[in-house]
N, C-alpha and C. Protein backbone atom coordinates (compact mmCIF):
# COMPACT_ATOMS: atom_id res chain seq x y z
N MET A 1 -23.41 -7.99 10.15
CA MET A 1 -23.03 -8.19 8.75
C MET A 1 -21.62 -7.63 8.52
N VAL A 2 -20.77 -8.42 7.85
CA VAL A 2 -19.41 -7.98 7.57
C VAL A 2 -19.43 -7.00 6.40
N GLU A 3 -18.72 -5.92 6.54
CA GLU A 3 -18.67 -4.91 5.50
C GLU A 3 -17.96 -5.43 4.25
N ARG A 4 -18.27 -4.78 3.13
CA ARG A 4 -17.55 -5.07 1.90
C ARG A 4 -16.07 -4.78 2.12
N PRO A 5 -15.16 -5.63 1.61
CA PRO A 5 -13.72 -5.40 1.83
C PRO A 5 -13.28 -4.02 1.38
N MET A 6 -12.21 -3.55 1.99
CA MET A 6 -11.68 -2.23 1.68
C MET A 6 -10.20 -2.33 1.39
N VAL A 7 -9.73 -1.54 0.42
CA VAL A 7 -8.31 -1.40 0.17
C VAL A 7 -7.93 0.05 0.45
N ALA A 8 -6.91 0.23 1.28
CA ALA A 8 -6.41 1.56 1.61
C ALA A 8 -5.10 1.79 0.84
N ILE A 9 -5.06 2.87 0.10
CA ILE A 9 -3.87 3.24 -0.66
C ILE A 9 -3.14 4.31 0.13
N MET A 10 -1.93 4.00 0.60
CA MET A 10 -1.13 4.97 1.35
C MET A 10 -0.41 5.87 0.36
N ALA A 11 -0.63 7.18 0.48
CA ALA A 11 -0.07 8.13 -0.48
C ALA A 11 0.47 9.36 0.23
N LYS A 12 1.69 9.73 -0.14
CA LYS A 12 2.25 11.00 0.34
C LYS A 12 1.95 12.09 -0.69
N ALA A 13 1.87 13.32 -0.22
CA ALA A 13 1.64 14.44 -1.12
C ALA A 13 2.72 14.43 -2.21
N PRO A 14 2.32 14.39 -3.48
CA PRO A 14 3.30 14.25 -4.57
C PRO A 14 3.98 15.56 -4.93
N VAL A 15 4.85 16.02 -4.02
CA VAL A 15 5.59 17.26 -4.23
C VAL A 15 7.07 16.98 -3.99
N CYS A 16 7.92 17.79 -4.61
CA CYS A 16 9.36 17.60 -4.50
C CYS A 16 9.81 17.66 -3.04
N GLY A 17 10.65 16.73 -2.66
CA GLY A 17 11.17 16.67 -1.31
C GLY A 17 10.32 15.87 -0.36
N ALA A 18 9.10 15.48 -0.77
CA ALA A 18 8.21 14.75 0.13
C ALA A 18 8.07 13.29 -0.24
N VAL A 19 8.36 12.93 -1.49
CA VAL A 19 8.16 11.56 -1.96
C VAL A 19 9.42 11.03 -2.63
N LYS A 20 9.63 9.70 -2.48
CA LYS A 20 10.68 8.98 -3.18
C LYS A 20 12.02 9.71 -3.11
N THR A 21 12.43 10.11 -1.91
CA THR A 21 13.65 10.88 -1.76
C THR A 21 14.89 10.06 -2.14
N ARG A 22 14.87 8.77 -1.83
CA ARG A 22 16.00 7.92 -2.22
C ARG A 22 16.11 7.84 -3.73
N LEU A 23 14.99 7.63 -4.39
CA LEU A 23 14.98 7.57 -5.85
C LEU A 23 15.36 8.92 -6.44
N ALA A 24 14.87 10.00 -5.84
CA ALA A 24 15.18 11.34 -6.34
C ALA A 24 16.68 11.62 -6.32
N GLY A 25 17.39 11.03 -5.35
CA GLY A 25 18.83 11.20 -5.29
C GLY A 25 19.55 10.59 -6.47
N GLU A 26 18.90 9.65 -7.14
CA GLU A 26 19.51 8.97 -8.29
C GLU A 26 19.03 9.51 -9.62
N ILE A 27 17.74 9.85 -9.72
CA ILE A 27 17.20 10.26 -11.03
C ILE A 27 16.76 11.72 -11.06
N GLY A 28 16.78 12.39 -9.91
CA GLY A 28 16.34 13.77 -9.84
C GLY A 28 14.96 13.89 -9.22
N ALA A 29 14.70 15.01 -8.56
CA ALA A 29 13.44 15.19 -7.85
C ALA A 29 12.25 15.30 -8.78
N VAL A 30 12.41 15.99 -9.89
CA VAL A 30 11.27 16.18 -10.80
C VAL A 30 10.81 14.86 -11.41
N PRO A 31 11.72 14.03 -11.97
CA PRO A 31 11.26 12.73 -12.49
C PRO A 31 10.66 11.84 -11.40
N ALA A 32 11.20 11.91 -10.18
CA ALA A 32 10.67 11.08 -9.10
C ALA A 32 9.24 11.48 -8.75
N VAL A 33 8.98 12.79 -8.70
CA VAL A 33 7.62 13.26 -8.41
C VAL A 33 6.68 12.91 -9.57
N ALA A 34 7.15 13.09 -10.80
CA ALA A 34 6.33 12.76 -11.97
C ALA A 34 5.94 11.28 -11.95
N LEU A 35 6.88 10.43 -11.59
CA LEU A 35 6.60 8.99 -11.49
C LEU A 35 5.54 8.73 -10.42
N THR A 36 5.70 9.35 -9.26
CA THR A 36 4.75 9.16 -8.17
C THR A 36 3.35 9.57 -8.59
N ARG A 37 3.24 10.70 -9.26
CA ARG A 37 1.92 11.17 -9.70
C ARG A 37 1.30 10.20 -10.70
N ALA A 38 2.11 9.73 -11.64
CA ALA A 38 1.59 8.82 -12.67
C ALA A 38 1.16 7.49 -12.06
N LEU A 39 1.98 6.93 -11.19
CA LEU A 39 1.65 5.63 -10.58
C LEU A 39 0.43 5.74 -9.67
N THR A 40 0.33 6.84 -8.93
CA THR A 40 -0.81 7.02 -8.03
C THR A 40 -2.10 7.15 -8.83
N ALA A 41 -2.09 7.96 -9.86
CA ALA A 41 -3.30 8.13 -10.68
C ALA A 41 -3.72 6.81 -11.31
N ARG A 42 -2.75 6.05 -11.81
CA ARG A 42 -3.07 4.76 -12.43
C ARG A 42 -3.68 3.81 -11.41
N LEU A 43 -3.09 3.76 -10.22
CA LEU A 43 -3.56 2.84 -9.20
C LEU A 43 -4.97 3.21 -8.72
N VAL A 44 -5.21 4.48 -8.48
CA VAL A 44 -6.53 4.91 -8.04
C VAL A 44 -7.58 4.58 -9.09
N ARG A 45 -7.27 4.87 -10.35
CA ARG A 45 -8.24 4.55 -11.42
C ARG A 45 -8.48 3.05 -11.51
N GLU A 46 -7.41 2.26 -11.37
CA GLU A 46 -7.51 0.81 -11.49
C GLU A 46 -8.39 0.20 -10.41
N LEU A 47 -8.24 0.67 -9.18
CA LEU A 47 -8.93 0.03 -8.07
C LEU A 47 -10.30 0.65 -7.76
N ALA A 48 -10.44 1.94 -8.00
CA ALA A 48 -11.68 2.60 -7.59
C ALA A 48 -12.88 2.15 -8.39
N ARG A 49 -12.67 1.66 -9.59
CA ARG A 49 -13.82 1.29 -10.43
C ARG A 49 -14.32 -0.13 -10.17
N ASP A 50 -13.68 -0.87 -9.28
CA ASP A 50 -14.09 -2.24 -9.00
C ASP A 50 -15.12 -2.26 -7.88
N THR A 51 -16.26 -2.87 -8.13
CA THR A 51 -17.34 -2.88 -7.14
C THR A 51 -17.20 -3.99 -6.10
N ARG A 52 -16.17 -4.84 -6.25
CA ARG A 52 -15.99 -5.93 -5.29
C ARG A 52 -15.41 -5.46 -3.97
N PHE A 53 -14.82 -4.27 -3.96
CA PHE A 53 -14.26 -3.72 -2.74
C PHE A 53 -14.34 -2.20 -2.79
N ARG A 54 -14.18 -1.61 -1.63
CA ARG A 54 -14.17 -0.15 -1.51
C ARG A 54 -12.73 0.34 -1.46
N CYS A 55 -12.51 1.61 -1.78
CA CYS A 55 -11.18 2.20 -1.73
C CYS A 55 -11.19 3.43 -0.83
N VAL A 56 -10.08 3.64 -0.16
CA VAL A 56 -9.86 4.88 0.58
C VAL A 56 -8.40 5.28 0.36
N LEU A 57 -8.17 6.57 0.28
CA LEU A 57 -6.82 7.10 0.11
C LEU A 57 -6.35 7.60 1.46
N ALA A 58 -5.33 6.96 2.03
CA ALA A 58 -4.77 7.37 3.32
C ALA A 58 -3.58 8.27 3.04
N VAL A 59 -3.72 9.56 3.32
CA VAL A 59 -2.76 10.54 2.82
C VAL A 59 -1.88 11.10 3.94
N SER A 60 -0.71 11.54 3.51
CA SER A 60 0.27 12.18 4.39
C SER A 60 0.87 13.37 3.66
N PRO A 61 1.01 14.52 4.33
CA PRO A 61 0.67 14.80 5.74
C PRO A 61 -0.84 14.94 5.93
N PRO A 62 -1.30 14.94 7.18
CA PRO A 62 -2.74 15.04 7.42
C PRO A 62 -3.38 16.27 6.80
N SER A 63 -2.62 17.36 6.69
CA SER A 63 -3.16 18.59 6.11
C SER A 63 -3.49 18.44 4.64
N ALA A 64 -3.02 17.36 4.00
CA ALA A 64 -3.23 17.17 2.57
C ALA A 64 -4.56 16.49 2.24
N THR A 65 -5.38 16.22 3.24
CA THR A 65 -6.64 15.51 2.96
C THR A 65 -7.56 16.31 2.04
N THR A 66 -7.39 17.63 2.00
CA THR A 66 -8.23 18.45 1.13
C THR A 66 -7.46 18.98 -0.08
N ALA A 67 -6.23 18.52 -0.28
CA ALA A 67 -5.42 19.00 -1.41
C ALA A 67 -6.05 18.58 -2.73
N ARG A 68 -5.76 19.35 -3.77
CA ARG A 68 -6.39 19.13 -5.07
C ARG A 68 -5.38 18.57 -6.08
N PHE A 69 -4.61 17.57 -5.68
CA PHE A 69 -3.68 16.94 -6.60
C PHE A 69 -4.46 16.12 -7.63
N PRO A 70 -4.24 16.32 -8.91
CA PRO A 70 -4.98 15.55 -9.93
C PRO A 70 -4.83 14.04 -9.75
N ALA A 71 -3.65 13.59 -9.35
CA ALA A 71 -3.43 12.15 -9.19
C ALA A 71 -4.36 11.57 -8.12
N TRP A 72 -4.67 12.34 -7.09
CA TRP A 72 -5.53 11.85 -6.02
C TRP A 72 -7.00 11.90 -6.42
N ARG A 73 -7.35 12.75 -7.37
CA ARG A 73 -8.75 12.88 -7.76
C ARG A 73 -9.13 11.91 -8.87
N ALA A 74 -8.17 11.09 -9.32
CA ALA A 74 -8.41 10.23 -10.49
C ALA A 74 -9.61 9.33 -10.33
N GLY A 75 -9.83 8.81 -9.14
CA GLY A 75 -10.94 7.87 -8.94
C GLY A 75 -12.02 8.37 -8.02
N CYS A 76 -11.90 9.63 -7.56
CA CYS A 76 -12.91 10.22 -6.67
C CYS A 76 -13.14 9.36 -5.43
N VAL A 77 -12.07 8.88 -4.82
CA VAL A 77 -12.21 8.04 -3.63
C VAL A 77 -12.12 8.90 -2.37
N PRO A 78 -12.76 8.47 -1.28
CA PRO A 78 -12.66 9.24 -0.03
C PRO A 78 -11.24 9.21 0.51
N ARG A 79 -10.93 10.18 1.36
CA ARG A 79 -9.59 10.29 1.94
C ARG A 79 -9.65 10.24 3.45
N THR A 80 -8.58 9.75 4.03
CA THR A 80 -8.40 9.80 5.46
C THR A 80 -6.94 10.15 5.71
N ALA A 81 -6.67 10.78 6.83
CA ALA A 81 -5.30 11.19 7.14
C ALA A 81 -4.53 10.05 7.78
N GLN A 82 -3.28 9.90 7.39
CA GLN A 82 -2.39 8.97 8.08
C GLN A 82 -2.03 9.54 9.44
N ARG A 83 -1.88 8.66 10.42
CA ARG A 83 -1.41 9.08 11.73
C ARG A 83 0.10 9.24 11.72
N ARG A 84 0.65 9.81 12.75
CA ARG A 84 2.10 9.97 12.86
C ARG A 84 2.74 8.68 13.34
N GLY A 85 4.05 8.58 13.14
CA GLY A 85 4.79 7.40 13.58
C GLY A 85 5.47 6.71 12.42
N ASP A 86 6.13 5.58 12.73
CA ASP A 86 6.81 4.86 11.67
C ASP A 86 5.78 4.14 10.81
N LEU A 87 6.25 3.43 9.78
CA LEU A 87 5.34 2.79 8.85
C LEU A 87 4.39 1.83 9.55
N GLY A 88 4.91 1.07 10.50
CA GLY A 88 4.07 0.11 11.22
C GLY A 88 2.97 0.80 12.01
N ALA A 89 3.31 1.88 12.68
CA ALA A 89 2.32 2.61 13.47
C ALA A 89 1.24 3.20 12.57
N ARG A 90 1.65 3.71 11.41
CA ARG A 90 0.67 4.30 10.49
C ARG A 90 -0.25 3.23 9.90
N MET A 91 0.30 2.07 9.56
CA MET A 91 -0.55 1.01 9.03
C MET A 91 -1.48 0.46 10.10
N GLN A 92 -0.97 0.29 11.32
CA GLN A 92 -1.83 -0.22 12.40
C GLN A 92 -3.00 0.72 12.64
N ALA A 93 -2.75 2.03 12.57
CA ALA A 93 -3.82 3.00 12.77
C ALA A 93 -4.90 2.87 11.70
N ILE A 94 -4.48 2.60 10.46
CA ILE A 94 -5.46 2.40 9.38
C ILE A 94 -6.31 1.17 9.66
N PHE A 95 -5.66 0.08 10.06
CA PHE A 95 -6.41 -1.14 10.38
C PHE A 95 -7.37 -0.91 11.55
N ASN A 96 -6.97 -0.09 12.51
CA ASN A 96 -7.78 0.10 13.71
C ASN A 96 -9.02 0.95 13.46
N ARG A 97 -8.96 1.86 12.49
CA ARG A 97 -10.04 2.84 12.40
C ARG A 97 -10.84 2.85 11.10
N CYS A 98 -10.40 2.13 10.08
CA CYS A 98 -11.10 2.17 8.78
C CYS A 98 -12.07 1.00 8.65
N GLY A 99 -13.31 1.21 9.03
CA GLY A 99 -14.32 0.17 8.89
C GLY A 99 -14.08 -1.01 9.79
N THR A 100 -14.77 -2.12 9.48
CA THR A 100 -14.66 -3.31 10.33
C THR A 100 -14.42 -4.60 9.54
N GLY A 101 -14.61 -4.57 8.24
CA GLY A 101 -14.44 -5.78 7.44
C GLY A 101 -12.99 -6.00 7.02
N PRO A 102 -12.75 -6.98 6.16
CA PRO A 102 -11.39 -7.24 5.67
C PRO A 102 -10.80 -5.99 5.01
N LEU A 103 -9.52 -5.75 5.26
CA LEU A 103 -8.88 -4.55 4.73
C LEU A 103 -7.47 -4.89 4.29
N ALA A 104 -7.07 -4.36 3.15
CA ALA A 104 -5.70 -4.51 2.64
C ALA A 104 -5.10 -3.13 2.43
N ILE A 105 -3.82 -3.01 2.71
CA ILE A 105 -3.10 -1.75 2.54
C ILE A 105 -2.04 -1.93 1.47
N VAL A 106 -1.96 -0.96 0.56
CA VAL A 106 -0.93 -0.97 -0.48
C VAL A 106 -0.30 0.41 -0.55
N GLY A 107 0.88 0.46 -1.18
CA GLY A 107 1.53 1.73 -1.46
C GLY A 107 1.29 2.13 -2.90
N THR A 108 1.90 3.24 -3.31
CA THR A 108 1.66 3.75 -4.66
C THR A 108 2.82 3.48 -5.61
N ASP A 109 3.88 2.84 -5.14
CA ASP A 109 5.07 2.68 -5.99
C ASP A 109 5.24 1.27 -6.54
N ILE A 110 4.12 0.55 -6.70
CA ILE A 110 4.16 -0.82 -7.21
C ILE A 110 3.36 -0.85 -8.51
N PRO A 111 4.02 -0.80 -9.65
CA PRO A 111 3.29 -0.68 -10.92
C PRO A 111 2.49 -1.92 -11.31
N GLY A 112 2.75 -3.06 -10.69
CA GLY A 112 2.09 -4.29 -11.11
C GLY A 112 0.75 -4.57 -10.44
N ILE A 113 0.28 -3.70 -9.56
CA ILE A 113 -0.99 -3.97 -8.87
C ILE A 113 -2.15 -3.87 -9.85
N THR A 114 -3.02 -4.88 -9.80
CA THR A 114 -4.24 -4.86 -10.60
C THR A 114 -5.44 -5.15 -9.70
N ARG A 115 -6.62 -4.84 -10.21
CA ARG A 115 -7.83 -5.10 -9.42
C ARG A 115 -8.03 -6.60 -9.19
N GLU A 116 -7.61 -7.43 -10.16
CA GLU A 116 -7.77 -8.87 -9.99
C GLU A 116 -6.87 -9.40 -8.88
N ILE A 117 -5.66 -8.86 -8.77
CA ILE A 117 -4.78 -9.27 -7.68
C ILE A 117 -5.40 -8.91 -6.34
N ILE A 118 -5.96 -7.70 -6.24
CA ILE A 118 -6.58 -7.29 -4.98
C ILE A 118 -7.81 -8.14 -4.66
N ALA A 119 -8.61 -8.43 -5.67
CA ALA A 119 -9.79 -9.29 -5.44
C ALA A 119 -9.35 -10.67 -4.95
N ASP A 120 -8.25 -11.18 -5.48
CA ASP A 120 -7.75 -12.47 -5.04
C ASP A 120 -7.27 -12.40 -3.59
N VAL A 121 -6.70 -11.28 -3.17
CA VAL A 121 -6.29 -11.10 -1.78
C VAL A 121 -7.49 -11.26 -0.85
N PHE A 122 -8.60 -10.65 -1.21
CA PHE A 122 -9.78 -10.75 -0.35
C PHE A 122 -10.39 -12.15 -0.36
N ARG A 123 -10.23 -12.86 -1.47
CA ARG A 123 -10.66 -14.27 -1.47
C ARG A 123 -9.81 -15.08 -0.50
N ARG A 124 -8.53 -14.82 -0.48
CA ARG A 124 -7.63 -15.54 0.44
C ARG A 124 -7.93 -15.19 1.90
N LEU A 125 -8.38 -13.96 2.14
CA LEU A 125 -8.68 -13.55 3.51
C LEU A 125 -9.93 -14.22 4.07
N ARG A 126 -10.68 -14.91 3.25
CA ARG A 126 -11.83 -15.66 3.77
C ARG A 126 -11.38 -16.82 4.64
N ARG A 127 -10.16 -17.31 4.38
CA ARG A 127 -9.64 -18.45 5.15
C ARG A 127 -8.39 -18.12 5.95
N ALA A 128 -7.74 -17.02 5.62
CA ALA A 128 -6.50 -16.66 6.32
C ALA A 128 -6.75 -15.47 7.24
N ASP A 129 -5.92 -15.35 8.27
CA ASP A 129 -5.99 -14.20 9.15
C ASP A 129 -5.26 -13.00 8.55
N ALA A 130 -4.24 -13.28 7.74
CA ALA A 130 -3.46 -12.21 7.12
C ALA A 130 -2.98 -12.66 5.75
N VAL A 131 -2.84 -11.71 4.85
CA VAL A 131 -2.29 -11.98 3.52
C VAL A 131 -1.21 -10.94 3.24
N PHE A 132 -0.11 -11.41 2.67
CA PHE A 132 0.98 -10.52 2.30
C PHE A 132 1.27 -10.62 0.82
N GLY A 133 1.61 -9.50 0.23
CA GLY A 133 2.14 -9.46 -1.12
C GLY A 133 3.63 -9.26 -1.03
N PRO A 134 4.43 -10.29 -1.19
CA PRO A 134 5.89 -10.14 -1.04
C PRO A 134 6.46 -9.24 -2.14
N ALA A 135 7.46 -8.47 -1.76
CA ALA A 135 8.23 -7.69 -2.73
C ALA A 135 9.56 -8.39 -2.99
N GLU A 136 10.11 -8.14 -4.12
CA GLU A 136 11.35 -8.83 -4.50
C GLU A 136 12.52 -8.48 -3.60
N ASP A 137 12.45 -7.34 -2.90
CA ASP A 137 13.58 -6.90 -2.08
C ASP A 137 13.52 -7.39 -0.64
N GLY A 138 12.55 -8.28 -0.33
CA GLY A 138 12.45 -8.80 1.03
C GLY A 138 11.39 -8.12 1.87
N GLY A 139 10.81 -7.07 1.34
CA GLY A 139 9.71 -6.41 2.04
C GLY A 139 8.38 -6.93 1.53
N TYR A 140 7.36 -6.10 1.61
CA TYR A 140 6.07 -6.50 1.06
C TYR A 140 5.34 -5.27 0.56
N TRP A 141 4.60 -5.49 -0.54
CA TRP A 141 3.88 -4.39 -1.16
C TRP A 141 2.44 -4.32 -0.70
N LEU A 142 1.97 -5.36 -0.02
CA LEU A 142 0.59 -5.40 0.49
C LEU A 142 0.56 -6.16 1.80
N VAL A 143 -0.28 -5.68 2.70
CA VAL A 143 -0.63 -6.45 3.89
C VAL A 143 -2.14 -6.35 4.06
N GLY A 144 -2.78 -7.49 4.23
CA GLY A 144 -4.22 -7.53 4.44
C GLY A 144 -4.55 -8.29 5.71
N LEU A 145 -5.53 -7.83 6.45
CA LEU A 145 -5.98 -8.50 7.67
C LEU A 145 -7.49 -8.73 7.60
N ARG A 146 -7.91 -9.89 8.07
CA ARG A 146 -9.35 -10.19 8.10
C ARG A 146 -10.05 -9.37 9.17
N ARG A 147 -9.36 -9.10 10.27
CA ARG A 147 -9.87 -8.28 11.39
C ARG A 147 -11.03 -8.93 12.13
N ARG A 148 -11.16 -10.23 12.03
CA ARG A 148 -12.15 -11.00 12.78
C ARG A 148 -11.46 -12.25 13.32
N PRO A 149 -11.63 -12.58 14.62
CA PRO A 149 -12.49 -11.94 15.61
C PRO A 149 -11.87 -10.71 16.25
N LYS A 150 -10.58 -10.43 15.94
CA LYS A 150 -9.96 -9.24 16.50
C LYS A 150 -8.94 -8.71 15.48
N ILE A 151 -8.53 -7.46 15.68
CA ILE A 151 -7.54 -6.85 14.80
C ILE A 151 -6.15 -7.23 15.31
N LEU A 152 -5.40 -7.93 14.48
CA LEU A 152 -4.05 -8.33 14.86
C LEU A 152 -3.10 -7.13 14.84
N LYS A 153 -1.99 -7.27 15.56
CA LYS A 153 -0.98 -6.20 15.64
C LYS A 153 0.38 -6.79 15.25
N PRO A 154 0.66 -6.86 13.94
CA PRO A 154 1.85 -7.58 13.49
C PRO A 154 3.10 -6.74 13.25
N PHE A 155 3.11 -5.47 13.65
CA PHE A 155 4.17 -4.59 13.19
C PHE A 155 5.22 -4.22 14.24
N ALA A 156 5.24 -4.90 15.38
CA ALA A 156 6.21 -4.57 16.42
C ALA A 156 7.61 -5.01 16.02
N ASN A 157 8.58 -4.13 16.24
CA ASN A 157 10.01 -4.45 16.05
C ASN A 157 10.34 -4.91 14.63
N VAL A 158 9.64 -4.38 13.65
CA VAL A 158 9.94 -4.70 12.25
C VAL A 158 11.04 -3.77 11.75
N ARG A 159 12.02 -4.36 11.07
CA ARG A 159 13.12 -3.56 10.50
C ARG A 159 12.68 -3.07 9.11
N TRP A 160 12.04 -1.89 9.13
CA TRP A 160 11.51 -1.35 7.89
C TRP A 160 12.63 -0.95 6.93
N SER A 161 12.31 -0.94 5.65
CA SER A 161 13.26 -0.59 4.59
C SER A 161 14.49 -1.48 4.62
N SER A 162 14.26 -2.75 4.92
CA SER A 162 15.36 -3.71 4.96
C SER A 162 14.87 -5.03 4.37
N PRO A 163 15.82 -5.94 4.03
CA PRO A 163 15.41 -7.26 3.52
C PRO A 163 14.70 -8.12 4.55
N HIS A 164 14.62 -7.64 5.81
CA HIS A 164 14.03 -8.44 6.89
C HIS A 164 12.59 -8.06 7.20
N ALA A 165 12.03 -7.08 6.49
CA ALA A 165 10.72 -6.54 6.87
C ALA A 165 9.63 -7.61 6.86
N LEU A 166 9.58 -8.41 5.81
CA LEU A 166 8.53 -9.44 5.75
C LEU A 166 8.75 -10.50 6.81
N ALA A 167 9.97 -10.98 6.95
CA ALA A 167 10.26 -12.02 7.95
C ALA A 167 9.94 -11.54 9.36
N ASP A 168 10.28 -10.30 9.66
CA ASP A 168 9.99 -9.76 10.99
C ASP A 168 8.48 -9.70 11.25
N THR A 169 7.73 -9.28 10.24
CA THR A 169 6.27 -9.18 10.40
C THR A 169 5.66 -10.57 10.56
N LEU A 170 6.13 -11.52 9.77
CA LEU A 170 5.61 -12.89 9.88
C LEU A 170 5.89 -13.48 11.25
N ALA A 171 7.03 -13.15 11.82
CA ALA A 171 7.37 -13.66 13.16
C ALA A 171 6.35 -13.19 14.20
N ASN A 172 5.78 -12.01 13.99
CA ASN A 172 4.76 -11.50 14.90
C ASN A 172 3.42 -12.20 14.74
N LEU A 173 3.26 -12.96 13.67
CA LEU A 173 2.00 -13.65 13.39
C LEU A 173 2.10 -15.16 13.61
N ASP A 174 3.09 -15.57 14.35
CA ASP A 174 3.24 -17.00 14.63
C ASP A 174 1.96 -17.55 15.27
N GLY A 175 1.45 -18.64 14.70
CA GLY A 175 0.23 -19.24 15.21
C GLY A 175 -1.02 -18.80 14.47
N HIS A 176 -0.89 -17.85 13.59
CA HIS A 176 -2.03 -17.39 12.80
C HIS A 176 -1.91 -17.89 11.36
N ARG A 177 -3.03 -17.95 10.67
CA ARG A 177 -3.05 -18.43 9.30
C ARG A 177 -2.66 -17.30 8.35
N VAL A 178 -1.61 -17.53 7.59
CA VAL A 178 -1.08 -16.51 6.68
C VAL A 178 -1.07 -17.04 5.26
N ALA A 179 -1.48 -16.22 4.32
CA ALA A 179 -1.44 -16.56 2.90
C ALA A 179 -0.66 -15.49 2.16
N PHE A 180 -0.33 -15.79 0.90
CA PHE A 180 0.50 -14.87 0.13
C PHE A 180 -0.09 -14.59 -1.23
N ALA A 181 0.03 -13.34 -1.65
CA ALA A 181 -0.37 -12.93 -2.98
C ALA A 181 0.86 -12.97 -3.89
N LYS A 182 0.68 -12.47 -5.09
CA LYS A 182 1.73 -12.49 -6.09
C LYS A 182 2.90 -11.61 -5.67
N THR A 183 4.12 -12.06 -5.95
CA THR A 183 5.32 -11.26 -5.69
C THR A 183 5.46 -10.20 -6.78
N LEU A 184 5.62 -8.94 -6.35
CA LEU A 184 5.79 -7.82 -7.27
C LEU A 184 7.03 -7.02 -6.89
N PHE A 185 7.43 -6.10 -7.74
CA PHE A 185 8.57 -5.25 -7.41
C PHE A 185 8.09 -3.81 -7.22
N ASP A 186 8.74 -3.11 -6.30
CA ASP A 186 8.44 -1.70 -6.11
C ASP A 186 9.60 -0.87 -6.63
N ILE A 187 9.37 0.41 -6.79
CA ILE A 187 10.36 1.28 -7.41
C ILE A 187 11.00 2.15 -6.34
N ASP A 188 12.17 1.73 -5.90
CA ASP A 188 12.91 2.45 -4.86
C ASP A 188 14.22 3.03 -5.36
N THR A 189 14.79 2.45 -6.41
CA THR A 189 16.12 2.83 -6.88
C THR A 189 16.10 3.19 -8.36
N GLY A 190 17.21 3.75 -8.81
CA GLY A 190 17.33 4.05 -10.23
C GLY A 190 17.23 2.81 -11.09
N THR A 191 17.76 1.70 -10.61
CA THR A 191 17.64 0.43 -11.35
C THR A 191 16.18 0.02 -11.49
N ASP A 192 15.42 0.15 -10.40
CA ASP A 192 13.99 -0.16 -10.45
C ASP A 192 13.28 0.75 -11.45
N TYR A 193 13.65 2.02 -11.42
CA TYR A 193 13.02 2.99 -12.31
C TYR A 193 13.26 2.65 -13.77
N ARG A 194 14.50 2.31 -14.10
CA ARG A 194 14.82 1.96 -15.50
C ARG A 194 14.12 0.66 -15.89
N ARG A 195 14.00 -0.27 -14.97
CA ARG A 195 13.26 -1.51 -15.26
C ARG A 195 11.80 -1.19 -15.57
N HIS A 196 11.21 -0.31 -14.80
CA HIS A 196 9.82 0.07 -15.04
C HIS A 196 9.68 0.76 -16.39
N ARG A 197 10.62 1.62 -16.72
CA ARG A 197 10.55 2.34 -18.00
C ARG A 197 10.63 1.36 -19.17
N ARG A 198 11.50 0.34 -19.05
CA ARG A 198 11.61 -0.65 -20.11
C ARG A 198 10.31 -1.42 -20.28
N ARG A 199 9.70 -1.81 -19.14
CA ARG A 199 8.45 -2.56 -19.21
C ARG A 199 7.33 -1.71 -19.77
N SER A 200 7.30 -0.46 -19.40
CA SER A 200 6.25 0.44 -19.88
C SER A 200 6.37 0.68 -21.37
N ALA A 201 7.62 0.74 -21.84
CA ALA A 201 7.85 0.97 -23.28
C ALA A 201 7.38 -0.21 -24.10
């Protein structure tokens, strides 16, 4: 029997100097951490209450799995430690060890994620081998794998934090069925931050 789908939320400990360092250079460390905490709490609450899929919080550093950050406790979801390595290695480790059914990975800096978007991703994974949520900057805010009949390995030689990240990952999936979710924006720069503030207002 295939397990109920799972969404893994990748989260870094929301402390100064550990999260959104590029953004912090533009708006300051304290506002950047405050944003991370608010977005993480919102996302955990949004996704954890949906019974169509399970949630797990994949945290970094590994020592933070027992930390008592309020943002992480918002939805009372289980935690697992991220492995070491670049983004691709850490995501591949999550796919390799978290359950056996369909799984999608998201970050915490995408304010537009909703439970309906995630549910739609899992509907698409019934027919596709992989689903991506494109980001406006050329990367992606979500990657989902069906993991049947085997777990794919799409992250080799990807130019992370560049406009080529999605294209590089797709090149590794040549010959497999790929679908796409809604395009969203993530908050990496001061311009992104001000855009989010305007939308929130």
